[in-house]
């Protein structure tokens, strides 16, 4: 893999089916969940009072359980690989539920959202546990030189805000799904449950907790088959829930999200600049 200015790799580890990364927060190495569905980075208020972190009292109320942290003395700095971003304000909430839900001892200091890596396209490689960041102007060269030897399936997408949305087929019907590495299973609108019941196995009920609000009882199931372009995905864990609770006040007008169950089955290159997702096999 070519490494140079504008192309770099970040290793990751799995926090259940989410991506854990190390980044510098105000010059201190911390653990974050890498979450392309989050529009901005989000800090965990549980750690506001530790070294080089802003004071807890600087947080103002925001939507749902989310607040807004305003830097009082200097800027909030995040660094990872070749990227450094400074923020005068940043969303914040208590993310300790993630440690409990994921049964991890990692101290999760926040979510690393889309705004942090704006200007880069991403190659997800779950088998080797690494993300390759490619500056937009180098994407064509990268696909030719680094991905061209594989079997490539190219899927065009449209944007809903910052989220890539692709078309997928279940049975004889087509649906629109956002692609989000912050979804540890498929996350479908609860209104689709009865419509898709004949395509589901192992249906159960569970509670679900998100950044914005706790969810009531939701349905979990295994989706037997989903088709994206020419590729077939089978036996995908899927949750049916109220999508609006994850992005209050925002209607993306989509049917759900594809996350780990989609991205981890092969190397997946998301080109935000070209509006296409490239599935890489071989």
C-alpha atoms as a PDB file:
ATOM      1  CA  UNK A   1       0.000   0.000   0.000  1.00  0.00           C
ATOM      2  CA  UNK A   2       1.378   3.383  -1.019  1.00  0.00           C
ATOM      3  CA  UNK A   3       1.795   5.794   1.900  1.00  0.00           C
ATOM      4  CA  UNK A   4       2.462   9.445   1.228  1.00  0.00           C
ATOM      5  CA  UNK A   5       1.060  12.867   1.879  1.00  0.00           C
ATOM      6  CA  UNK A   6      -2.685  12.575   1.440  1.00  0.00           C
ATOM      7  CA  UNK A   7      -2.856   8.781   1.897  1.00  0.00           C
ATOM      8  CA  UNK A   8      -2.493   7.134   5.304  1.00  0.00           C
ATOM      9  CA  UNK A   9      -3.744   4.169   7.330  1.00  0.00           C
ATOM     10  CA  UNK A  10      -5.220   4.051  10.818  1.00  0.00           C
ATOM     11  CA  UNK A  11      -5.414   0.712  12.669  1.00  0.00           C
ATOM     12  CA  UNK A  12      -8.602  -0.035  14.550  1.00  0.00           C
ATOM     13  CA  UNK A  13      -9.975  -2.576  16.990  1.00  0.00           C
ATOM     14  CA  UNK A  14     -13.482  -3.906  17.342  1.00  0.00           C
ATOM     15  CA  UNK A  15     -15.758  -2.719  20.134  1.00  0.00           C
ATOM     16  CA  UNK A  16     -18.289  -5.435  19.524  1.00  0.00           C
ATOM     17  CA  UNK A  17     -19.253  -4.526  15.914  1.00  0.00           C
ATOM     18  CA  UNK A  18     -18.172  -0.884  16.107  1.00  0.00           C
ATOM     19  CA  UNK A  19     -14.788   0.579  15.144  1.00  0.00           C
ATOM     20  CA  UNK A  20     -12.506   1.751  17.954  1.00  0.00           C
ATOM     21  CA  UNK A  21      -9.602   4.079  17.100  1.00  0.00           C
ATOM     22  CA  UNK A  22      -6.904   5.989  18.970  1.00  0.00           C
ATOM     23  CA  UNK A  23      -6.745   9.751  18.440  1.00  0.00           C
ATOM     24  CA  UNK A  24      -5.210  12.748  20.191  1.00  0.00           C
ATOM     25  CA  UNK A  25      -7.642  14.926  22.115  1.00  0.00           C
ATOM     26  CA  UNK A  26      -5.886  18.093  23.247  1.00  0.00           C
ATOM     27  CA  UNK A  27      -2.556  16.239  22.850  1.00  0.00           C
ATOM     28  CA  UNK A  28      -3.614  13.227  24.954  1.00  0.00           C
ATOM     29  CA  UNK A  29      -4.168   9.825  23.308  1.00  0.00           C
ATOM     30  CA  UNK A  30      -7.773   8.713  23.796  1.00  0.00           C
ATOM     31  CA  UNK A  31     -10.139   6.054  22.471  1.00  0.00           C
ATOM     32  CA  UNK A  32     -12.948   7.050  20.104  1.00  0.00           C
ATOM     33  CA  UNK A  33     -15.637   5.214  18.177  1.00  0.00           C
ATOM     34  CA  UNK A  34     -15.229   5.979  14.468  1.00  0.00           C
ATOM     35  CA  UNK A  35     -18.756   6.826  13.284  1.00  0.00           C
ATOM     36  CA  UNK A  36     -19.407   8.069   9.747  1.00  0.00           C
ATOM     37  CA  UNK A  37     -23.083   8.581  10.599  1.00  0.00           C
ATOM     38  CA  UNK A  38     -22.299  11.272  13.182  1.00  0.00           C
ATOM     39  CA  UNK A  39     -22.119  14.625  11.394  1.00  0.00           C
ATOM     40  CA  UNK A  40     -19.675  16.075  13.940  1.00  0.00           C
ATOM     41  CA  UNK A  41     -17.327  14.582  16.515  1.00  0.00           C
ATOM     42  CA  UNK A  42     -19.059  14.033  19.870  1.00  0.00           C
ATOM     43  CA  UNK A  43     -17.250  14.126  23.239  1.00  0.00           C
ATOM     44  CA  UNK A  44     -18.122  12.041  26.285  1.00  0.00           C
ATOM     45  CA  UNK A  45     -19.109  14.286  29.215  1.00  0.00           C
ATOM     46  CA  UNK A  46     -18.029  11.549  31.643  1.00  0.00           C
ATOM     47  CA  UNK A  47     -14.414  12.646  31.151  1.00  0.00           C
ATOM     48  CA  UNK A  48     -14.794  16.417  31.114  1.00  0.00           C
ATOM     49  CA  UNK A  49     -12.752  16.957  34.271  1.00  0.00           C
ATOM     50  CA  UNK A  50      -9.668  14.880  33.432  1.00  0.00           C
ATOM     51  CA  UNK A  51      -6.335  16.215  32.158  1.00  0.00           C
ATOM     52  CA  UNK A  52      -6.516  18.542  29.131  1.00  0.00           C
ATOM     53  CA  UNK A  53     -10.299  18.220  28.870  1.00  0.00           C
ATOM     54  CA  UNK A  54     -12.717  21.176  29.013  1.00  0.00           C
ATOM     55  CA  UNK A  55     -14.739  21.838  32.166  1.00  0.00           C
ATOM     56  CA  UNK A  56     -18.083  20.085  32.595  1.00  0.00           C
ATOM     57  CA  UNK A  57     -19.837  23.396  33.308  1.00  0.00           C
ATOM     58  CA  UNK A  58     -19.151  24.699  29.791  1.00  0.00           C
ATOM     59  CA  UNK A  59     -21.837  22.443  28.249  1.00  0.00           C
ATOM     60  CA  UNK A  60     -25.067  24.009  26.978  1.00  0.00           C
ATOM     61  CA  UNK A  61     -28.289  22.048  26.309  1.00  0.00           C
ATOM     62  CA  UNK A  62     -28.831  20.575  22.833  1.00  0.00           C
ATOM     63  CA  UNK A  63     -31.244  18.149  21.089  1.00  0.00           C
ATOM     64  CA  UNK A  64     -32.258  15.036  23.036  1.00  0.00           C
ATOM     65  CA  UNK A  65     -29.454  14.032  25.390  1.00  0.00           C
ATOM     66  CA  UNK A  66     -26.904  15.960  23.329  1.00  0.00           C
ATOM     67  CA  UNK A  67     -25.306  19.182  24.592  1.00  0.00           C
ATOM     68  CA  UNK A  68     -22.948  21.732  23.048  1.00  0.00           C
ATOM     69  CA  UNK A  69     -19.496  22.155  24.560  1.00  0.00           C
ATOM     70  CA  UNK A  70     -17.986  25.612  24.028  1.00  0.00           C
ATOM     71  CA  UNK A  71     -14.236  25.956  24.484  1.00  0.00           C
ATOM     72  CA  UNK A  72     -13.433  28.663  27.033  1.00  0.00           C
ATOM     73  CA  UNK A  73      -9.634  28.693  26.953  1.00  0.00           C
ATOM     74  CA  UNK A  74      -8.292  27.988  23.478  1.00  0.00           C
ATOM     75  CA  UNK A  75      -9.724  25.442  21.021  1.00  0.00           C
ATOM     76  CA  UNK A  76     -10.591  21.758  21.289  1.00  0.00           C
ATOM     77  CA  UNK A  77      -8.054  19.909  19.135  1.00  0.00           C
ATOM     78  CA  UNK A  78      -8.498  16.452  17.584  1.00  0.00           C
ATOM     79  CA  UNK A  79      -5.682  14.711  15.686  1.00  0.00           C
ATOM     80  CA  UNK A  80      -5.443  11.353  13.932  1.00  0.00           C
ATOM     81  CA  UNK A  81      -2.931  10.398  11.257  1.00  0.00           C
ATOM     82  CA  UNK A  82      -2.421  13.362   8.914  1.00  0.00           C
ATOM     83  CA  UNK A  83      -5.607  15.133  10.065  1.00  0.00           C
ATOM     84  CA  UNK A  84      -5.810  17.792  12.768  1.00  0.00           C
ATOM     85  CA  UNK A  85      -9.003  19.774  13.399  1.00  0.00           C
ATOM     86  CA  UNK A  86      -9.708  22.541  15.897  1.00  0.00           C
ATOM     87  CA  UNK A  87     -13.179  23.275  17.258  1.00  0.00           C
ATOM     88  CA  UNK A  88     -14.478  26.243  19.208  1.00  0.00           C
ATOM     89  CA  UNK A  89     -17.581  24.197  20.056  1.00  0.00           C
ATOM     90  CA  UNK A  90     -18.429  20.533  19.757  1.00  0.00           C
ATOM     91  CA  UNK A  91     -21.386  18.270  20.652  1.00  0.00           C
ATOM     92  CA  UNK A  92     -21.098  16.406  23.965  1.00  0.00           C
ATOM     93  CA  UNK A  93     -23.137  13.846  25.889  1.00  0.00           C
ATOM     94  CA  UNK A  94     -22.650  10.980  28.339  1.00  0.00           C
ATOM     95  CA  UNK A  95     -21.495   8.014  26.250  1.00  0.00           C
ATOM     96  CA  UNK A  96     -20.817   5.629  29.091  1.00  0.00           C
ATOM     97  CA  UNK A  97     -23.769   3.513  28.008  1.00  0.00           C
ATOM     98  CA  UNK A  98     -21.471   2.370  25.170  1.00  0.00           C
ATOM     99  CA  UNK A  99     -19.085   0.736  27.657  1.00  0.00           C
ATOM    100  CA  UNK A 100     -21.985  -1.110  29.230  1.00  0.00           C
ATOM    101  CA  UNK A 101     -23.671  -2.072  25.956  1.00  0.00           C
ATOM    102  CA  UNK A 102     -20.394  -3.164  24.330  1.00  0.00           C
ATOM    103  CA  UNK A 103     -19.073  -4.821  27.515  1.00  0.00           C
ATOM    104  CA  UNK A 104     -15.681  -3.162  27.118  1.00  0.00           C
ATOM    105  CA  UNK A 105     -13.149  -1.774  29.588  1.00  0.00           C
ATOM    106  CA  UNK A 106     -12.087   0.900  27.082  1.00  0.00           C
ATOM    107  CA  UNK A 107     -12.680   4.466  28.223  1.00  0.00           C
ATOM    108  CA  UNK A 108     -14.541   5.874  25.220  1.00  0.00           C
ATOM    109  CA  UNK A 109     -13.907   9.613  24.994  1.00  0.00           C
ATOM    110  CA  UNK A 110     -16.250  10.253  22.090  1.00  0.00           C
ATOM    111  CA  UNK A 111     -17.363   9.617  18.536  1.00  0.00           C
ATOM    112  CA  UNK A 112     -15.186  10.575  15.565  1.00  0.00           C
ATOM    113  CA  UNK A 113     -17.729  11.922  13.068  1.00  0.00           C
ATOM    114  CA  UNK A 114     -17.841  12.949   9.415  1.00  0.00           C
ATOM    115  CA  UNK A 115     -16.679  16.547   9.812  1.00  0.00           C
ATOM    116  CA  UNK A 116     -13.313  15.359  11.137  1.00  0.00           C
ATOM    117  CA  UNK A 117     -12.357  13.545   7.914  1.00  0.00           C
ATOM    118  CA  UNK A 118     -14.097  15.835   5.392  1.00  0.00           C
ATOM    119  CA  UNK A 119     -11.990  15.965   2.230  1.00  0.00           C
ATOM    120  CA  UNK A 120     -10.976  12.303   2.443  1.00  0.00           C
ATOM    121  CA  UNK A 121     -12.395   9.096   0.983  1.00  0.00           C
ATOM    122  CA  UNK A 122     -12.230   5.925   3.101  1.00  0.00           C
ATOM    123  CA  UNK A 123     -11.261   2.295   2.537  1.00  0.00           C
ATOM    124  CA  UNK A 124     -12.616  -0.010   5.258  1.00  0.00           C
ATOM    125  CA  UNK A 125     -10.717  -3.281   5.719  1.00  0.00           C
ATOM    126  CA  UNK A 126     -12.274  -5.217   8.595  1.00  0.00           C
ATOM    127  CA  UNK A 127     -10.207  -8.342   7.964  1.00  0.00           C
ATOM    128  CA  UNK A 128      -6.943  -6.479   8.578  1.00  0.00           C
ATOM    129  CA  UNK A 129      -8.553  -3.938  10.934  1.00  0.00           C
ATOM    130  CA  UNK A 130      -7.483  -0.738   9.248  1.00  0.00           C
ATOM    131  CA  UNK A 131      -8.999   2.298   7.543  1.00  0.00           C
ATOM    132  CA  UNK A 132      -7.135   3.959   4.685  1.00  0.00           C
ATOM    133  CA  UNK A 133      -7.762   7.692   4.285  1.00  0.00           C
ATOM    134  CA  UNK A 134      -7.352   9.033   0.740  1.00  0.00           C
ATOM    135  CA  UNK A 135      -7.367  12.745  -0.071  1.00  0.00           C
ATOM    136  CA  UNK A 136     -10.103  13.448  -2.610  1.00  0.00           C
ATOM    137  CA  UNK A 137      -7.711  14.592  -5.348  1.00  0.00           C
ATOM    138  CA  UNK A 138      -5.825  11.259  -5.128  1.00  0.00           C
ATOM    139  CA  UNK A 139      -8.858   8.957  -5.328  1.00  0.00           C
ATOM    140  CA  UNK A 140      -8.640   8.129  -9.043  1.00  0.00           C
ATOM    141  CA  UNK A 141      -4.978   7.190  -8.758  1.00  0.00           C
ATOM    142  CA  UNK A 142      -5.648   5.182  -5.590  1.00  0.00           C
ATOM    143  CA  UNK A 143      -8.435   3.130  -7.173  1.00  0.00           C
ATOM    144  CA  UNK A 144      -6.298   2.365 -10.217  1.00  0.00           C
ATOM    145  CA  UNK A 145      -3.072   1.535  -8.389  1.00  0.00           C
ATOM    146  CA  UNK A 146      -4.303  -0.024  -5.141  1.00  0.00           C
ATOM    147  CA  UNK A 147      -7.733  -1.476  -5.862  1.00  0.00           C
ATOM    148  CA  UNK A 148      -7.563  -2.238  -9.588  1.00  0.00           C
ATOM    149  CA  UNK A 149      -6.244  -5.781  -9.116  1.00  0.00           C
ATOM    150  CA  UNK A 150      -9.369  -6.860  -7.267  1.00  0.00           C
ATOM    151  CA  UNK A 151     -12.877  -7.662  -8.410  1.00  0.00           C
ATOM    152  CA  UNK A 152     -14.666  -4.323  -8.101  1.00  0.00           C
ATOM    153  CA  UNK A 153     -18.382  -3.610  -7.779  1.00  0.00           C
ATOM    154  CA  UNK A 154     -19.174   0.103  -8.060  1.00  0.00           C
ATOM    155  CA  UNK A 155     -22.386   1.415  -6.495  1.00  0.00           C
ATOM    156  CA  UNK A 156     -23.471   5.024  -7.070  1.00  0.00           C
ATOM    157  CA  UNK A 157     -25.010   6.896  -4.157  1.00  0.00           C
ATOM    158  CA  UNK A 158     -26.900  10.075  -3.364  1.00  0.00           C
ATOM    159  CA  UNK A 159     -26.425  12.210  -0.272  1.00  0.00           C
ATOM    160  CA  UNK A 160     -28.870  12.798   2.549  1.00  0.00           C
ATOM    161  CA  UNK A 161     -26.945  15.437   4.469  1.00  0.00           C
ATOM    162  CA  UNK A 162     -23.483  13.836   4.784  1.00  0.00           C
ATOM    163  CA  UNK A 163     -24.698  10.225   4.575  1.00  0.00           C
ATOM    164  CA  UNK A 164     -24.299   8.100   1.400  1.00  0.00           C
ATOM    165  CA  UNK A 165     -27.632   6.529   0.422  1.00  0.00           C
ATOM    166  CA  UNK A 166     -27.768   3.496  -1.872  1.00  0.00           C
ATOM    167  CA  UNK A 167     -30.546   1.409  -3.371  1.00  0.00           C
ATOM    168  CA  UNK A 168     -30.941  -2.196  -2.237  1.00  0.00           C
ATOM    169  CA  UNK A 169     -33.449  -4.905  -3.040  1.00  0.00           C
ATOM    170  CA  UNK A 170     -35.227  -7.228  -0.608  1.00  0.00           C
ATOM    171  CA  UNK A 171     -37.497  -9.705  -2.335  1.00  0.00           C
ATOM    172  CA  UNK A 172     -39.098  -7.865  -5.238  1.00  0.00           C
ATOM    173  CA  UNK A 173     -39.023  -4.405  -3.676  1.00  0.00           C
ATOM    174  CA  UNK A 174     -36.329  -1.707  -3.673  1.00  0.00           C
ATOM    175  CA  UNK A 175     -35.369   0.374  -0.641  1.00  0.00           C
ATOM    176  CA  UNK A 176     -33.031   3.277   0.148  1.00  0.00           C
ATOM    177  CA  UNK A 177     -30.476   2.767   2.909  1.00  0.00           C
ATOM    178  CA  UNK A 178     -27.831   5.044   4.359  1.00  0.00           C
ATOM    179  CA  UNK A 179     -24.348   3.561   4.793  1.00  0.00           C
ATOM    180  CA  UNK A 180     -22.950   4.166   8.282  1.00  0.00           C
ATOM    181  CA  UNK A 181     -20.073   2.368  10.026  1.00  0.00           C
ATOM    182  CA  UNK A 182     -21.619   3.477  13.338  1.00  0.00           C
ATOM    183  CA  UNK A 183     -24.433   0.934  12.894  1.00  0.00           C
ATOM    184  CA  UNK A 184     -23.324  -2.360  14.452  1.00  0.00           C
ATOM    185  CA  UNK A 185     -26.252  -4.134  12.760  1.00  0.00           C
ATOM    186  CA  UNK A 186     -28.585  -3.144   9.973  1.00  0.00           C
ATOM    187  CA  UNK A 187     -30.961  -0.519  11.388  1.00  0.00           C
ATOM    188  CA  UNK A 188     -34.308  -0.406   9.575  1.00  0.00           C
ATOM    189  CA  UNK A 189     -37.365   1.760  10.131  1.00  0.00           C
ATOM    190  CA  UNK A 190     -39.760  -0.050  12.428  1.00  0.00           C
ATOM    191  CA  UNK A 191     -42.591   0.463   9.926  1.00  0.00           C
ATOM    192  CA  UNK A 192     -40.861  -2.016   7.587  1.00  0.00           C
ATOM    193  CA  UNK A 193     -41.075  -4.898  10.048  1.00  0.00           C
ATOM    194  CA  UNK A 194     -44.416  -6.345   8.983  1.00  0.00           C
ATOM    195  CA  UNK A 195     -43.648  -5.731   5.311  1.00  0.00           C
ATOM    196  CA  UNK A 196     -40.377  -7.687   5.589  1.00  0.00           C
ATOM    197  CA  UNK A 197     -41.493 -10.335   8.087  1.00  0.00           C
ATOM    198  CA  UNK A 198     -41.532 -13.101   5.461  1.00  0.00           C
ATOM    199  CA  UNK A 199     -37.824 -12.405   4.787  1.00  0.00           C
ATOM    200  CA  UNK A 200     -36.797 -12.651   8.455  1.00  0.00           C
ATOM    201  CA  UNK A 201     -35.633 -15.415  10.802  1.00  0.00           C
ATOM    202  CA  UNK A 202     -34.925 -15.549  14.549  1.00  0.00           C
ATOM    203  CA  UNK A 203     -37.175 -12.633  15.529  1.00  0.00           C
ATOM    204  CA  UNK A 204     -36.662 -11.351  19.101  1.00  0.00           C
ATOM    205  CA  UNK A 205     -37.289  -8.187  21.127  1.00  0.00           C
ATOM    206  CA  UNK A 206     -34.676  -6.018  22.845  1.00  0.00           C
ATOM    207  CA  UNK A 207     -33.986  -2.514  24.196  1.00  0.00           C
ATOM    208  CA  UNK A 208     -31.823  -0.096  22.244  1.00  0.00           C
ATOM    209  CA  UNK A 209     -29.936   2.963  23.500  1.00  0.00           C
ATOM    210  CA  UNK A 210     -28.645   5.740  21.238  1.00  0.00           C
ATOM    211  CA  UNK A 211     -26.726   8.995  21.571  1.00  0.00           C
ATOM    212  CA  UNK A 212     -29.889  11.089  21.557  1.00  0.00           C
ATOM    213  CA  UNK A 213     -32.473   9.005  23.424  1.00  0.00           C
ATOM    214  CA  UNK A 214     -33.121   5.570  24.873  1.00  0.00           C
ATOM    215  CA  UNK A 215     -35.398   3.456  22.679  1.00  0.00           C
ATOM    216  CA  UNK A 216     -38.399   1.395  23.762  1.00  0.00           C
ATOM    217  CA  UNK A 217     -38.513  -2.297  22.927  1.00  0.00           C
ATOM    218  CA  UNK A 218     -37.333  -2.935  19.363  1.00  0.00           C
ATOM    219  CA  UNK A 219     -37.422  -5.950  17.059  1.00  0.00           C
ATOM    220  CA  UNK A 220     -34.270  -7.867  16.166  1.00  0.00           C
ATOM    221  CA  UNK A 221     -34.078 -10.442  13.385  1.00  0.00           C
ATOM    222  CA  UNK A 222     -31.869 -12.045  10.750  1.00  0.00           C
ATOM    223  CA  UNK A 223     -32.545 -10.768   7.236  1.00  0.00           C
ATOM    224  CA  UNK A 224     -32.114 -13.727   4.909  1.00  0.00           C
ATOM    225  CA  UNK A 225     -31.086 -11.889   1.742  1.00  0.00           C
ATOM    226  CA  UNK A 226     -30.362  -8.363   0.511  1.00  0.00           C
ATOM    227  CA  UNK A 227     -29.157  -7.443  -2.959  1.00  0.00           C
ATOM    228  CA  UNK A 228     -26.989  -4.392  -3.709  1.00  0.00           C
ATOM    229  CA  UNK A 229     -26.097  -3.972  -7.358  1.00  0.00           C
ATOM    230  CA  UNK A 230     -24.885  -7.442  -8.391  1.00  0.00           C
ATOM    231  CA  UNK A 231     -23.813  -8.536  -4.894  1.00  0.00           C
ATOM    232  CA  UNK A 232     -25.878 -10.685  -2.571  1.00  0.00           C
ATOM    233  CA  UNK A 233     -25.680 -10.339   1.229  1.00  0.00           C
ATOM    234  CA  UNK A 234     -27.146 -13.117   3.353  1.00  0.00           C
ATOM    235  CA  UNK A 235     -28.111 -13.602   7.006  1.00  0.00           C
ATOM    236  CA  UNK A 236     -27.681  -9.997   8.123  1.00  0.00           C
ATOM    237  CA  UNK A 237     -28.490  -9.039  11.715  1.00  0.00           C
ATOM    238  CA  UNK A 238     -31.152  -6.336  11.585  1.00  0.00           C
ATOM    239  CA  UNK A 239     -32.861  -4.099  14.143  1.00  0.00           C
ATOM    240  CA  UNK A 240     -36.204  -2.379  13.494  1.00  0.00           C
ATOM    241  CA  UNK A 241     -36.500   0.916  15.361  1.00  0.00           C
ATOM    242  CA  UNK A 242     -37.691   4.531  15.244  1.00  0.00           C
ATOM    243  CA  UNK A 243     -35.071   6.203  13.038  1.00  0.00           C
ATOM    244  CA  UNK A 244     -36.059   9.732  14.061  1.00  0.00           C
ATOM    245  CA  UNK A 245     -34.798   9.057  17.591  1.00  0.00           C
ATOM    246  CA  UNK A 246     -31.231   8.823  16.277  1.00  0.00           C
ATOM    247  CA  UNK A 247     -31.371  12.187  14.484  1.00  0.00           C
ATOM    248  CA  UNK A 248     -34.043  14.313  16.208  1.00  0.00           C
ATOM    249  CA  UNK A 249     -35.555  17.010  14.059  1.00  0.00           C
ATOM    250  CA  UNK A 250     -34.035  15.562  10.877  1.00  0.00           C
ATOM    251  CA  UNK A 251     -35.946  13.448   8.360  1.00  0.00           C
ATOM    252  CA  UNK A 252     -33.551  11.749   5.959  1.00  0.00           C
ATOM    253  CA  UNK A 253     -36.450  10.089   4.127  1.00  0.00           C
ATOM    254  CA  UNK A 254     -34.694   6.718   3.981  1.00  0.00           C
ATOM    255  CA  UNK A 255     -35.663   3.183   4.960  1.00  0.00           C
ATOM    256  CA  UNK A 256     -32.762   2.543   7.305  1.00  0.00           C
ATOM    257  CA  UNK A 257     -28.998   2.106   7.612  1.00  0.00           C
ATOM    258  CA  UNK A 258     -26.509  -0.535   6.522  1.00  0.00           C
ATOM    259  CA  UNK A 259     -23.445  -0.734   8.770  1.00  0.00           C
ATOM    260  CA  UNK A 260     -21.145  -3.510   9.934  1.00  0.00           C
ATOM    261  CA  UNK A 261     -23.226  -6.230   8.289  1.00  0.00           C
ATOM    262  CA  UNK A 262     -22.623  -4.567   4.906  1.00  0.00           C
ATOM    263  CA  UNK A 263     -19.182  -2.992   5.235  1.00  0.00           C
ATOM    264  CA  UNK A 264     -17.372  -5.946   6.811  1.00  0.00           C
ATOM    265  CA  UNK A 265     -18.129  -8.570   4.145  1.00  0.00           C
ATOM    266  CA  UNK A 266     -15.376  -7.256   1.849  1.00  0.00           C
ATOM    267  CA  UNK A 267     -13.053  -4.291   1.584  1.00  0.00           C
ATOM    268  CA  UNK A 268     -15.309  -1.278   1.058  1.00  0.00           C
ATOM    269  CA  UNK A 269     -14.164   2.033  -0.403  1.00  0.00           C
ATOM    270  CA  UNK A 270     -16.480   4.996   0.164  1.00  0.00           C
ATOM    271  CA  UNK A 271     -15.658   7.842  -2.213  1.00  0.00           C
ATOM    272  CA  UNK A 272     -17.512  10.860  -0.889  1.00  0.00           C
ATOM    273  CA  UNK A 273     -16.014  12.956  -3.683  1.00  0.00           C
ATOM    274  CA  UNK A 274     -17.172  10.664  -6.518  1.00  0.00           C
ATOM    275  CA  UNK A 275     -20.442   9.676  -4.867  1.00  0.00           C
ATOM    276  CA  UNK A 276     -19.741   5.989  -5.241  1.00  0.00           C
ATOM    277  CA  UNK A 277     -19.058   2.967  -3.054  1.00  0.00           C
ATOM    278  CA  UNK A 278     -16.621   0.371  -4.370  1.00  0.00           C
ATOM    279  CA  UNK A 279     -16.810  -3.197  -3.049  1.00  0.00           C
ATOM    280  CA  UNK A 280     -13.389  -4.863  -3.378  1.00  0.00           C
ATOM    281  CA  UNK A 281     -13.019  -8.650  -3.461  1.00  0.00           C
ATOM    282  CA  UNK A 282      -9.905 -10.664  -4.188  1.00  0.00           C
END
